[in-house]
Amino acid sequence: MTKTTNHRILNPIRATTREVAEVLNRTVDGKLNSTGTFTLPAGGGGGGGSAGVDVTVTDPRAGKESVILMSPIGTHFYNHDPYIKTKNNGSFVVGHSNHGVAVDVDYVIIG
């Protein structure tokens, strides 16, 4: 699942005062280009605490020192027990438990 909303960025050389104000005001309102969505796949059976297949999310905004926050889309998120396993420059890996239902997850990257 891919997000289609993309908020405006500024040209670092030719941005006008009005454009800078518009982008900053949107940022204050929480409209950031630091979000995305990925899917935790259905496991091979139904929980039981067994490890699921790790999910690698490729996102150039991710870094080794980023804070990555996840938000569930649906009720089965907590049955997967997801966690950030590793953070790399340009990607991060989400570990989770097997569960019989796939679930989409929104995320935000800070830093």
PDB file of N, CA and C in Angstrom:
ATOM      1  N   MET A   1       0.851  -1.171   0.000  1.00  0.00           N
ATOM      2  CA  MET A   1       0.000   0.000   0.000  1.00  0.00           C
ATOM      3  C   MET A   1       0.894   1.230   0.000  1.00  0.00           C
ATOM      4  N   THR A   2       0.656   2.127  -0.942  1.00  0.00           N
ATOM      5  CA  THR A   2       1.470   3.321  -1.081  1.00  0.00           C
ATOM      6  C   THR A   2       0.640   4.560  -0.799  1.00  0.00           C
ATOM      7  N   LYS A   3       1.203   5.456  -0.049  1.00  0.00           N
ATOM      8  CA  LYS A   3       0.529   6.725   0.216  1.00  0.00           C
ATOM      9  C   LYS A   3       0.597   7.589  -1.046  1.00  0.00           C
ATOM     10  N   THR A   4      -0.483   8.274  -1.344  1.00  0.00           N
ATOM     11  CA  THR A   4      -0.494   9.131  -2.521  1.00  0.00           C
ATOM     12  C   THR A   4      -0.309  10.600  -2.162  1.00  0.00           C
ATOM     13  N   THR A   5      -0.427  10.956  -0.892  1.00  0.00           N
ATOM     14  CA  THR A   5      -0.243  12.339  -0.471  1.00  0.00           C
ATOM     15  C   THR A   5       1.244  12.642  -0.406  1.00  0.00           C
ATOM     16  N   ASN A   6       1.633  13.685  -1.082  1.00  0.00           N
ATOM     17  CA  ASN A   6       3.014  14.119  -1.039  1.00  0.00           C
ATOM     18  C   ASN A   6       2.992  15.623  -0.823  1.00  0.00           C
ATOM     19  N   HIS A   7       3.510  16.077   0.290  1.00  0.00           N
ATOM     20  CA  HIS A   7       3.469  17.491   0.610  1.00  0.00           C
ATOM     21  C   HIS A   7       4.613  18.218  -0.082  1.00  0.00           C
ATOM     22  N   ARG A   8       4.366  19.437  -0.382  1.00  0.00           N
ATOM     23  CA  ARG A   8       5.286  20.277  -1.149  1.00  0.00           C
ATOM     24  C   ARG A   8       6.630  20.442  -0.444  1.00  0.00           C
ATOM     25  N   ILE A   9       7.705  20.430  -1.227  1.00  0.00           N
ATOM     26  CA  ILE A   9       9.035  20.752  -0.706  1.00  0.00           C
ATOM     27  C   ILE A   9       9.519  22.023  -1.397  1.00  0.00           C
ATOM     28  N   LEU A  10      10.516  22.644  -0.819  1.00  0.00           N
ATOM     29  CA  LEU A  10      11.009  23.915  -1.334  1.00  0.00           C
ATOM     30  C   LEU A  10      12.262  23.750  -2.175  1.00  0.00           C
ATOM     31  N   ASN A  11      12.394  24.597  -3.170  1.00  0.00           N
ATOM     32  CA  ASN A  11      13.638  24.720  -3.916  1.00  0.00           C
ATOM     33  C   ASN A  11      14.587  25.509  -3.018  1.00  0.00           C
ATOM     34  N   PRO A  12      15.733  24.952  -2.647  1.00  0.00           N
ATOM     35  CA  PRO A  12      16.606  25.635  -1.678  1.00  0.00           C
ATOM     36  C   PRO A  12      17.212  26.945  -2.187  1.00  0.00           C
ATOM     37  N   ILE A  13      17.144  27.186  -3.484  1.00  0.00           N
ATOM     38  CA  ILE A  13      17.742  28.409  -4.033  1.00  0.00           C
ATOM     39  C   ILE A  13      16.685  29.452  -4.381  1.00  0.00           C
ATOM     40  N   ARG A  14      15.573  29.024  -4.945  1.00  0.00           N
ATOM     41  CA  ARG A  14      14.602  29.982  -5.477  1.00  0.00           C
ATOM     42  C   ARG A  14      13.300  30.078  -4.683  1.00  0.00           C
ATOM     43  N   ALA A  15      13.217  29.557  -3.475  1.00  0.00           N
ATOM     44  CA  ALA A  15      11.983  29.617  -2.698  1.00  0.00           C
ATOM     45  C   ALA A  15      11.682  31.048  -2.273  1.00  0.00           C
ATOM     46  N   THR A  16      10.425  31.449  -2.468  1.00  0.00           N
ATOM     47  CA  THR A  16      10.013  32.792  -2.068  1.00  0.00           C
ATOM     48  C   THR A  16       9.603  32.777  -0.594  1.00  0.00           C
ATOM     49  N   THR A  17       9.499  33.962  -0.020  1.00  0.00           N
ATOM     50  CA  THR A  17       9.064  34.076   1.372  1.00  0.00           C
ATOM     51  C   THR A  17       7.675  33.466   1.546  1.00  0.00           C
ATOM     52  N   ARG A  18       6.809  33.679   0.589  1.00  0.00           N
ATOM     53  CA  ARG A  18       5.448  33.123   0.656  1.00  0.00           C
ATOM     54  C   ARG A  18       5.491  31.598   0.647  1.00  0.00           C
ATOM     55  N   GLU A  19       6.318  31.006  -0.210  1.00  0.00           N
ATOM     56  CA  GLU A  19       6.430  29.543  -0.267  1.00  0.00           C
ATOM     57  C   GLU A  19       6.982  28.987   1.045  1.00  0.00           C
ATOM     58  N   VAL A  20       7.987  29.652   1.608  1.00  0.00           N
ATOM     59  CA  VAL A  20       8.555  29.212   2.883  1.00  0.00           C
ATOM     60  C   VAL A  20       7.489  29.259   3.969  1.00  0.00           C
ATOM     61  N   ALA A  21       6.731  30.331   4.026  1.00  0.00           N
ATOM     62  CA  ALA A  21       5.669  30.457   5.034  1.00  0.00           C
ATOM     63  C   ALA A  21       4.613  29.371   4.850  1.00  0.00           C
ATOM     64  N   GLU A  22       4.232  29.087   3.614  1.00  0.00           N
ATOM     65  CA  GLU A  22       3.220  28.068   3.341  1.00  0.00           C
ATOM     66  C   GLU A  22       3.675  26.682   3.818  1.00  0.00           C
ATOM     67  N   VAL A  23       4.908  26.323   3.491  1.00  0.00           N
ATOM     68  CA  VAL A  23       5.435  25.013   3.891  1.00  0.00           C
ATOM     69  C   VAL A  23       5.590  24.933   5.405  1.00  0.00           C
ATOM     70  N   LEU A  24       6.092  25.984   6.035  1.00  0.00           N
ATOM     71  CA  LEU A  24       6.248  25.975   7.490  1.00  0.00           C
ATOM     72  C   LEU A  24       4.897  25.906   8.200  1.00  0.00           C
ATOM     73  N   ASN A  25       3.917  26.623   7.693  1.00  0.00           N
ATOM     74  CA  ASN A  25       2.582  26.564   8.305  1.00  0.00           C
ATOM     75  C   ASN A  25       1.987  25.165   8.171  1.00  0.00           C
ATOM     76  N   ARG A  26       2.185  24.503   7.051  1.00  0.00           N
ATOM     77  CA  ARG A  26       1.710  23.120   6.899  1.00  0.00           C
ATOM     78  C   ARG A  26       2.434  22.191   7.866  1.00  0.00           C
ATOM     79  N   THR A  27       3.722  22.408   8.047  1.00  0.00           N
ATOM     80  CA  THR A  27       4.496  21.583   8.972  1.00  0.00           C
ATOM     81  C   THR A  27       3.974  21.732  10.394  1.00  0.00           C
ATOM     82  N   VAL A  28       3.677  22.956  10.796  1.00  0.00           N
ATOM     83  CA  VAL A  28       3.123  23.194  12.126  1.00  0.00           C
ATOM     84  C   VAL A  28       1.786  22.473  12.273  1.00  0.00           C
ATOM     85  N   ASP A  29       1.039  22.343  11.191  1.00  0.00           N
ATOM     86  CA  ASP A  29      -0.243  21.635  11.212  1.00  0.00           C
ATOM     87  C   ASP A  29      -0.075  20.116  11.107  1.00  0.00           C
ATOM     88  N   GLY A  30       1.166  19.627  11.090  1.00  0.00           N
ATOM     89  CA  GLY A  30       1.409  18.183  11.083  1.00  0.00           C
ATOM     90  C   GLY A  30       1.489  17.544   9.715  1.00  0.00           C
ATOM     91  N   LYS A  31       1.521  18.324   8.661  1.00  0.00           N
ATOM     92  CA  LYS A  31       1.594  17.778   7.302  1.00  0.00           C
ATOM     93  C   LYS A  31       3.065  17.564   6.927  1.00  0.00           C
ATOM     94  N   LEU A  32       3.560  16.362   7.195  1.00  0.00           N
ATOM     95  CA  LEU A  32       4.966  16.048   6.998  1.00  0.00           C
ATOM     96  C   LEU A  32       5.140  14.990   5.912  1.00  0.00           C
ATOM     97  N   ASN A  33       6.273  14.998   5.263  1.00  0.00           N
ATOM     98  CA  ASN A  33       6.616  13.981   4.272  1.00  0.00           C
ATOM     99  C   ASN A  33       7.418  12.848   4.909  1.00  0.00           C
ATOM    100  N   SER A  34       7.101  12.486   6.123  1.00  0.00           N
ATOM    101  CA  SER A  34       7.886  11.460   6.803  1.00  0.00           C
ATOM    102  C   SER A  34       7.047  10.246   7.169  1.00  0.00           C
ATOM    103  N   THR A  35       5.989   9.985   6.396  1.00  0.00           N
ATOM    104  CA  THR A  35       5.104   8.863   6.695  1.00  0.00           C
ATOM    105  C   THR A  35       5.105   7.847   5.568  1.00  0.00           C
ATOM    106  N   GLY A  36       4.660   6.654   5.885  1.00  0.00           N
ATOM    107  CA  GLY A  36       4.552   5.593   4.891  1.00  0.00           C
ATOM    108  C   GLY A  36       3.689   4.465   5.425  1.00  0.00           C
ATOM    109  N   THR A  37       3.538   3.417   4.637  1.00  0.00           N
ATOM    110  CA  THR A  37       2.731   2.260   4.999  1.00  0.00           C
ATOM    111  C   THR A  37       3.438   0.991   4.537  1.00  0.00           C
ATOM    112  N   PHE A  38       3.355  -0.068   5.342  1.00  0.00           N
ATOM    113  CA  PHE A  38       3.842  -1.384   4.931  1.00  0.00           C
ATOM    114  C   PHE A  38       2.858  -2.427   5.433  1.00  0.00           C
ATOM    115  N   THR A  39       3.027  -3.676   5.001  1.00  0.00           N
ATOM    116  CA  THR A  39       2.121  -4.758   5.386  1.00  0.00           C
ATOM    117  C   THR A  39       2.874  -5.827   6.148  1.00  0.00           C
ATOM    118  N   LEU A  40       2.331  -6.208   7.299  1.00  0.00           N
ATOM    119  CA  LEU A  40       2.824  -7.392   8.010  1.00  0.00           C
ATOM    120  C   LEU A  40       2.071  -8.581   7.419  1.00  0.00           C
ATOM    121  N   PRO A  41       2.778  -9.550   6.840  1.00  0.00           N
ATOM    122  CA  PRO A  41       2.093 -10.658   6.166  1.00  0.00           C
ATOM    123  C   PRO A  41       1.467 -11.635   7.150  1.00  0.00           C
ATOM    124  N   ALA A  42       0.485 -12.360   6.665  1.00  0.00           N
ATOM    125  CA  ALA A  42      -0.110 -13.430   7.467  1.00  0.00           C
ATOM    126  C   ALA A  42       0.949 -14.503   7.671  1.00  0.00           C
ATOM    127  N   GLY A  43       1.021 -15.021   8.883  1.00  0.00           N
ATOM    128  CA  GLY A  43       1.994 -16.067   9.177  1.00  0.00           C
ATOM    129  C   GLY A  43       1.467 -17.422   8.777  1.00  0.00           C
ATOM    130  N   GLY A  44       2.183 -18.430   9.141  1.00  0.00           N
ATOM    131  CA  GLY A  44       1.807 -19.780   8.769  1.00  0.00           C
ATOM    132  C   GLY A  44       0.892 -20.449   9.758  1.00  0.00           C
ATOM    133  N   GLY A  45       0.074 -19.744  10.379  1.00  0.00           N
ATOM    134  CA  GLY A  45      -0.760 -20.444  11.301  1.00  0.00           C
ATOM    135  C   GLY A  45      -1.365 -19.633  12.370  1.00  0.00           C
ATOM    136  N   GLY A  46      -1.285 -19.225  13.352  1.00  0.00           N
ATOM    137  CA  GLY A  46      -2.049 -18.349  14.196  1.00  0.00           C
ATOM    138  C   GLY A  46      -1.353 -18.065  15.473  1.00  0.00           C
ATOM    139  N   GLY A  47      -0.440 -17.225  15.466  1.00  0.00           N
ATOM    140  CA  GLY A  47       0.133 -16.767  16.724  1.00  0.00           C
ATOM    141  C   GLY A  47       1.024 -17.802  17.368  1.00  0.00           C
ATOM    142  N   GLY A  48       0.810 -18.036  18.618  1.00  0.00           N
ATOM    143  CA  GLY A  48       1.617 -18.998  19.349  1.00  0.00           C
ATOM    144  C   GLY A  48       2.993 -18.479  19.665  1.00  0.00           C
ATOM    145  N   GLY A  49       3.275 -17.224  19.338  1.00  0.00           N
ATOM    146  CA  GLY A  49       4.559 -16.645  19.677  1.00  0.00           C
ATOM    147  C   GLY A  49       5.683 -17.035  18.741  1.00  0.00           C
ATOM    148  N   SER A  50       5.398 -17.815  17.702  1.00  0.00           N
ATOM    149  CA  SER A  50       6.468 -18.200  16.792  1.00  0.00           C
ATOM    150  C   SER A  50       6.855 -17.019  15.919  1.00  0.00           C
ATOM    151  N   ALA A  51       8.110 -16.968  15.530  1.00  0.00           N
ATOM    152  CA  ALA A  51       8.612 -15.836  14.767  1.00  0.00           C
ATOM    153  C   ALA A  51       8.025 -15.816  13.373  1.00  0.00           C
ATOM    154  N   GLY A  52       7.655 -14.615  12.913  1.00  0.00           N
ATOM    155  CA  GLY A  52       7.181 -14.432  11.551  1.00  0.00           C
ATOM    156  C   GLY A  52       8.349 -14.063  10.661  1.00  0.00           C
ATOM    157  N   VAL A  53       8.070 -13.887   9.406  1.00  0.00           N
ATOM    158  CA  VAL A  53       9.087 -13.470   8.453  1.00  0.00           C
ATOM    159  C   VAL A  53       9.325 -11.976   8.648  1.00  0.00           C
ATOM    160  N   ASP A  54      10.582 -11.580   8.811  1.00  0.00           N
ATOM    161  CA  ASP A  54      10.896 -10.164   8.975  1.00  0.00           C
ATOM    162  C   ASP A  54      10.464  -9.388   7.736  1.00  0.00           C
ATOM    163  N   VAL A  55      10.055  -8.148   7.952  1.00  0.00           N
ATOM    164  CA  VAL A  55       9.643  -7.265   6.865  1.00  0.00           C
ATOM    165  C   VAL A  55      10.668  -6.147   6.753  1.00  0.00           C
ATOM    166  N   THR A  56      11.281  -6.011   5.585  1.00  0.00           N
ATOM    167  CA  THR A  56      12.216  -4.918   5.339  1.00  0.00           C
ATOM    168  C   THR A  56      11.472  -3.802   4.621  1.00  0.00           C
ATOM    169  N   VAL A  57      11.490  -2.615   5.214  1.00  0.00           N
ATOM    170  CA  VAL A  57      10.847  -1.451   4.627  1.00  0.00           C
ATOM    171  C   VAL A  57      11.950  -0.556   4.079  1.00  0.00           C
ATOM    172  N   THR A  58      11.942  -0.343   2.786  1.00  0.00           N
ATOM    173  CA  THR A  58      12.930   0.521   2.152  1.00  0.00           C
ATOM    174  C   THR A  58      12.371   1.926   2.073  1.00  0.00           C
ATOM    175  N   ASP A  59      13.052   2.843   2.722  1.00  0.00           N
ATOM    176  CA  ASP A  59      12.624   4.236   2.745  1.00  0.00           C
ATOM    177  C   ASP A  59      13.876   5.097   2.895  1.00  0.00           C
ATOM    178  N   PRO A  60      14.182   5.920   1.903  1.00  0.00           N
ATOM    179  CA  PRO A  60      15.422   6.708   1.958  1.00  0.00           C
ATOM    180  C   PRO A  60      15.486   7.689   3.124  1.00  0.00           C
ATOM    181  N   ARG A  61      14.362   7.968   3.759  1.00  0.00           N
ATOM    182  CA  ARG A  61      14.347   8.894   4.903  1.00  0.00           C
ATOM    183  C   ARG A  61      14.790   8.231   6.194  1.00  0.00           C
ATOM    184  N   ALA A  62      14.842   6.911   6.225  1.00  0.00           N
ATOM    185  CA  ALA A  62      15.243   6.174   7.433  1.00  0.00           C
ATOM    186  C   ALA A  62      16.754   6.255   7.614  1.00  0.00           C
ATOM    187  N   GLY A  63      17.168   6.300   8.860  1.00  0.00           N
ATOM    188  CA  GLY A  63      18.589   6.312   9.187  1.00  0.00           C
ATOM    189  C   GLY A  63      18.829   5.497  10.449  1.00  0.00           C
ATOM    190  N   LYS A  64      20.094   5.243  10.734  1.00  0.00           N
ATOM    191  CA  LYS A  64      20.446   4.432  11.894  1.00  0.00           C
ATOM    192  C   LYS A  64      20.012   5.066  13.209  1.00  0.00           C
ATOM    193  N   GLU A  65      19.864   6.384  13.245  1.00  0.00           N
ATOM    194  CA  GLU A  65      19.476   7.071  14.475  1.00  0.00           C
ATOM    195  C   GLU A  65      18.027   7.569  14.434  1.00  0.00           C
ATOM    196  N   SER A  66      17.267   7.162  13.435  1.00  0.00           N
ATOM    197  CA  SER A  66      15.870   7.591  13.318  1.00  0.00           C
ATOM    198  C   SER A  66      15.011   6.957  14.402  1.00  0.00           C
ATOM    199  N   VAL A  67      13.944   7.644  14.746  1.00  0.00           N
ATOM    200  CA  VAL A  67      12.898   7.088  15.590  1.00  0.00           C
ATOM    201  C   VAL A  67      11.767   6.716  14.644  1.00  0.00           C
ATOM    202  N   ILE A  68      11.329   5.462  14.703  1.00  0.00           N
ATOM    203  CA  ILE A  68      10.287   4.973  13.809  1.00  0.00           C
ATOM    204  C   ILE A  68       9.095   4.556  14.662  1.00  0.00           C
ATOM    205  N   LEU A  69       7.968   5.204  14.429  1.00  0.00           N
ATOM    206  CA  LEU A  69       6.748   4.945  15.183  1.00  0.00           C
ATOM    207  C   LEU A  69       5.747   4.242  14.269  1.00  0.00           C
ATOM    208  N   MET A  70       5.060   3.234  14.793  1.00  0.00           N
ATOM    209  CA  MET A  70       4.095   2.479  14.001  1.00  0.00           C
ATOM    210  C   MET A  70       2.682   2.711  14.533  1.00  0.00           C
ATOM    211  N   SER A  71       1.729   2.718  13.617  1.00  0.00           N
ATOM    212  CA  SER A  71       0.319   2.891  13.965  1.00  0.00           C
ATOM    213  C   SER A  71      -0.499   1.841  13.221  1.00  0.00           C
ATOM    214  N   PRO A  72      -1.333   1.087  13.921  1.00  0.00           N
ATOM    215  CA  PRO A  72      -2.075   0.001  13.274  1.00  0.00           C
ATOM    216  C   PRO A  72      -3.196   0.501  12.376  1.00  0.00           C
ATOM    217  N   ILE A  73      -3.450  -0.267  11.334  1.00  0.00           N
ATOM    218  CA  ILE A  73      -4.643  -0.099  10.512  1.00  0.00           C
ATOM    219  C   ILE A  73      -5.376  -1.430  10.637  1.00  0.00           C
ATOM    220  N   GLY A  74      -6.273  -1.536  11.557  1.00  0.00           N
ATOM    221  CA  GLY A  74      -6.984  -2.789  11.800  1.00  0.00           C
ATOM    222  C   GLY A  74      -6.670  -3.354  13.177  1.00  0.00           C
ATOM    223  N   THR A  75      -7.440  -4.347  13.576  1.00  0.00           N
ATOM    224  CA  THR A  75      -7.357  -4.869  14.933  1.00  0.00           C
ATOM    225  C   THR A  75      -6.328  -5.967  15.123  1.00  0.00           C
ATOM    226  N   HIS A  76      -5.788  -6.530  14.070  1.00  0.00           N
ATOM    227  CA  HIS A  76      -4.869  -7.656  14.204  1.00  0.00           C
ATOM    228  C   HIS A  76      -3.410  -7.239  14.426  1.00  0.00           C
ATOM    229  N   PHE A  77      -3.140  -5.946  14.431  1.00  0.00           N
ATOM    230  CA  PHE A  77      -1.794  -5.413  14.608  1.00  0.00           C
ATOM    231  C   PHE A  77      -1.133  -5.960  15.873  1.00  0.00           C
ATOM    232  N   TYR A  78      -1.849  -5.945  16.979  1.00  0.00           N
ATOM    233  CA  TYR A  78      -1.261  -6.329  18.265  1.00  0.00           C
ATOM    234  C   TYR A  78      -1.007  -7.834  18.361  1.00  0.00           C
ATOM    235  N   ASN A  79      -1.716  -8.633  17.576  1.00  0.00           N
ATOM    236  CA  ASN A  79      -1.452 -10.069  17.540  1.00  0.00           C
ATOM    237  C   ASN A  79      -0.121 -10.385  16.863  1.00  0.00           C
ATOM    238  N   HIS A  80       0.349  -9.488  16.012  1.00  0.00           N
ATOM    239  CA  HIS A  80       1.653  -9.663  15.360  1.00  0.00           C
ATOM    240  C   HIS A  80       2.795  -9.299  16.301  1.00  0.00           C
ATOM    241  N   ASP A  81       2.535  -8.489  17.314  1.00  0.00           N
ATOM    242  CA  ASP A  81       3.553  -8.045  18.263  1.00  0.00           C
ATOM    243  C   ASP A  81       4.776  -7.471  17.533  1.00  0.00           C
ATOM    244  N   PRO A  82       4.584  -6.455  16.674  1.00  0.00           N
ATOM    245  CA  PRO A  82       5.689  -5.934  15.854  1.00  0.00           C
ATOM    246  C   PRO A  82       6.673  -5.085  16.659  1.00  0.00           C
ATOM    247  N   TYR A  83       7.898  -5.080  16.188  1.00  0.00           N
ATOM    248  CA  TYR A  83       8.943  -4.252  16.796  1.00  0.00           C
ATOM    249  C   TYR A  83       9.989  -3.934  15.726  1.00  0.00           C
ATOM    250  N   ILE A  84      10.712  -2.826  15.933  1.00  0.00           N
ATOM    251  CA  ILE A  84      11.781  -2.457  15.011  1.00  0.00           C
ATOM    252  C   ILE A  84      12.996  -3.290  15.374  1.00  0.00           C
ATOM    253  N   LYS A  85      13.404  -4.146  14.458  1.00  0.00           N
ATOM    254  CA  LYS A  85      14.503  -5.075  14.704  1.00  0.00           C
ATOM    255  C   LYS A  85      15.853  -4.414  14.428  1.00  0.00           C
ATOM    256  N   THR A  86      15.957  -3.754  13.290  1.00  0.00           N
ATOM    257  CA  THR A  86      17.189  -3.032  12.945  1.00  0.00           C
ATOM    258  C   THR A  86      16.835  -1.781  12.160  1.00  0.00           C
ATOM    259  N   LYS A  87      17.709  -0.774  12.273  1.00  0.00           N
ATOM    260  CA  LYS A  87      17.579   0.462  11.496  1.00  0.00           C
ATOM    261  C   LYS A  87      18.858   0.647  10.696  1.00  0.00           C
ATOM    262  N   ASN A  88      18.695   0.952   9.429  1.00  0.00           N
ATOM    263  CA  ASN A  88      19.828   1.163   8.536  1.00  0.00           C
ATOM    264  C   ASN A  88      19.613   2.473   7.787  1.00  0.00           C
ATOM    265  N   ASN A  89      20.641   2.957   7.134  1.00  0.00           N
ATOM    266  CA  ASN A  89      20.474   4.120   6.286  1.00  0.00           C
ATOM    267  C   ASN A  89      19.703   3.694   5.041  1.00  0.00           C
ATOM    268  N   GLY A  90      18.477   4.172   4.912  1.00  0.00           N
ATOM    269  CA  GLY A  90      17.646   3.855   3.758  1.00  0.00           C
ATOM    270  C   GLY A  90      16.663   2.720   3.952  1.00  0.00           C
ATOM    271  N   SER A  91      16.634   2.106   5.126  1.00  0.00           N
ATOM    272  CA  SER A  91      15.668   1.026   5.369  1.00  0.00           C
ATOM    273  C   SER A  91      15.609   0.697   6.849  1.00  0.00           C
ATOM    274  N   PHE A  92      14.573  -0.078   7.214  1.00  0.00           N
ATOM    275  CA  PHE A  92      14.485  -0.634   8.557  1.00  0.00           C
ATOM    276  C   PHE A  92      13.788  -1.980   8.468  1.00  0.00           C
ATOM    277  N   VAL A  93      14.037  -2.823   9.470  1.00  0.00           N
ATOM    278  CA  VAL A  93      13.488  -4.172   9.484  1.00  0.00           C
ATOM    279  C   VAL A  93      12.525  -4.293  10.659  1.00  0.00           C
ATOM    280  N   VAL A  94      11.334  -4.814  10.372  1.00  0.00           N
ATOM    281  CA  VAL A  94      10.316  -5.015  11.399  1.00  0.00           C
ATOM    282  C   VAL A  94      10.210  -6.509  11.678  1.00  0.00           C
ATOM    283  N   GLY A  95      10.434  -6.897  12.925  1.00  0.00           N
ATOM    284  CA  GLY A  95      10.221  -8.268  13.348  1.00  0.00           C
ATOM    285  C   GLY A  95       8.810  -8.396  13.902  1.00  0.00           C
ATOM    286  N   HIS A  96       8.242  -9.591  13.807  1.00  0.00           N
ATOM    287  CA  HIS A  96       6.887  -9.788  14.332  1.00  0.00           C
ATOM    288  C   HIS A  96       6.612 -11.271  14.518  1.00  0.00           C
ATOM    289  N   SER A  97       5.551 -11.564  15.238  1.00  0.00           N
ATOM    290  CA  SER A  97       5.122 -12.949  15.445  1.00  0.00           C
ATOM    291  C   SER A  97       4.216 -13.379  14.303  1.00  0.00           C
ATOM    292  N   ASN A  98       4.188 -14.690  14.050  1.00  0.00           N
ATOM    293  CA  ASN A  98       3.249 -15.222  13.069  1.00  0.00           C
ATOM    294  C   ASN A  98       1.831 -14.955  13.510  1.00  0.00           C
ATOM    295  N   HIS A  99       0.996 -14.683  12.561  1.00  0.00           N
ATOM    296  CA  HIS A  99      -0.434 -14.529  12.821  1.00  0.00           C
ATOM    297  C   HIS A  99      -1.158 -14.863  11.527  1.00  0.00           C
ATOM    298  N   GLY A 100      -2.353 -15.349  11.598  1.00  0.00           N
ATOM    299  CA  GLY A 100      -3.078 -15.823  10.425  1.00  0.00           C
ATOM    300  C   GLY A 100      -3.676 -14.750   9.543  1.00  0.00           C
ATOM    301  N   VAL A 101      -3.497 -13.480   9.904  1.00  0.00           N
ATOM    302  CA  VAL A 101      -4.101 -12.395   9.140  1.00  0.00           C
ATOM    303  C   VAL A 101      -3.051 -11.330   8.845  1.00  0.00           C
ATOM    304  N   ALA A 102      -2.992 -10.894   7.585  1.00  0.00           N
ATOM    305  CA  ALA A 102      -2.097  -9.796   7.221  1.00  0.00           C
ATOM    306  C   ALA A 102      -2.699  -8.484   7.722  1.00  0.00           C
ATOM    307  N   VAL A 103      -1.845  -7.514   8.018  1.00  0.00           N
ATOM    308  CA  VAL A 103      -2.327  -6.213   8.494  1.00  0.00           C
ATOM    309  C   VAL A 103      -1.431  -5.107   7.941  1.00  0.00           C
ATOM    310  N   ASP A 104      -2.063  -4.006   7.535  1.00  0.00           N
ATOM    311  CA  ASP A 104      -1.325  -2.840   7.079  1.00  0.00           C
ATOM    312  C   ASP A 104      -0.948  -1.983   8.278  1.00  0.00           C
ATOM    313  N   VAL A 105       0.211  -1.347   8.185  1.00  0.00           N
ATOM    314  CA  VAL A 105       0.734  -0.532   9.281  1.00  0.00           C
ATOM    315  C   VAL A 105       1.225   0.795   8.707  1.00  0.00           C
ATOM    316  N   ASP A 106       0.765   1.898   9.282  1.00  0.00           N
ATOM    317  CA  ASP A 106       1.319   3.207   8.961  1.00  0.00           C
ATOM    318  C   ASP A 106       2.539   3.438   9.832  1.00  0.00           C
ATOM    319  N   TYR A 107       3.480   4.224   9.345  1.00  0.00           N
ATOM    320  CA  TYR A 107       4.656   4.569  10.149  1.00  0.00           C
ATOM    321  C   TYR A 107       5.049   6.006   9.894  1.00  0.00           C
ATOM    322  N   VAL A 108       5.789   6.558  10.840  1.00  0.00           N
ATOM    323  CA  VAL A 108       6.368   7.883  10.703  1.00  0.00           C
ATOM    324  C   VAL A 108       7.837   7.776  11.104  1.00  0.00           C
ATOM    325  N   ILE A 109       8.678   8.467  10.366  1.00  0.00           N
ATOM    326  CA  ILE A 109      10.122   8.486  10.657  1.00  0.00           C
ATOM    327  C   ILE A 109      10.476   9.888  11.140  1.00  0.00           C
ATOM    328  N   ILE A 110      11.106   9.936  12.301  1.00  0.00           N
ATOM    329  CA  ILE A 110      11.563  11.214  12.844  1.00  0.00           C
ATOM    330  C   ILE A 110      13.078  11.144  12.995  1.00  0.00           C
ATOM    331  N   GLY A 111      13.749  12.093  12.422  1.00  0.00           N
ATOM    332  CA  GLY A 111      15.210  12.146  12.534  1.00  0.00           C
ATOM    333  C   GLY A 111      15.949  11.386  11.491  1.00  0.00           C
TER     334      GLY A 111
END
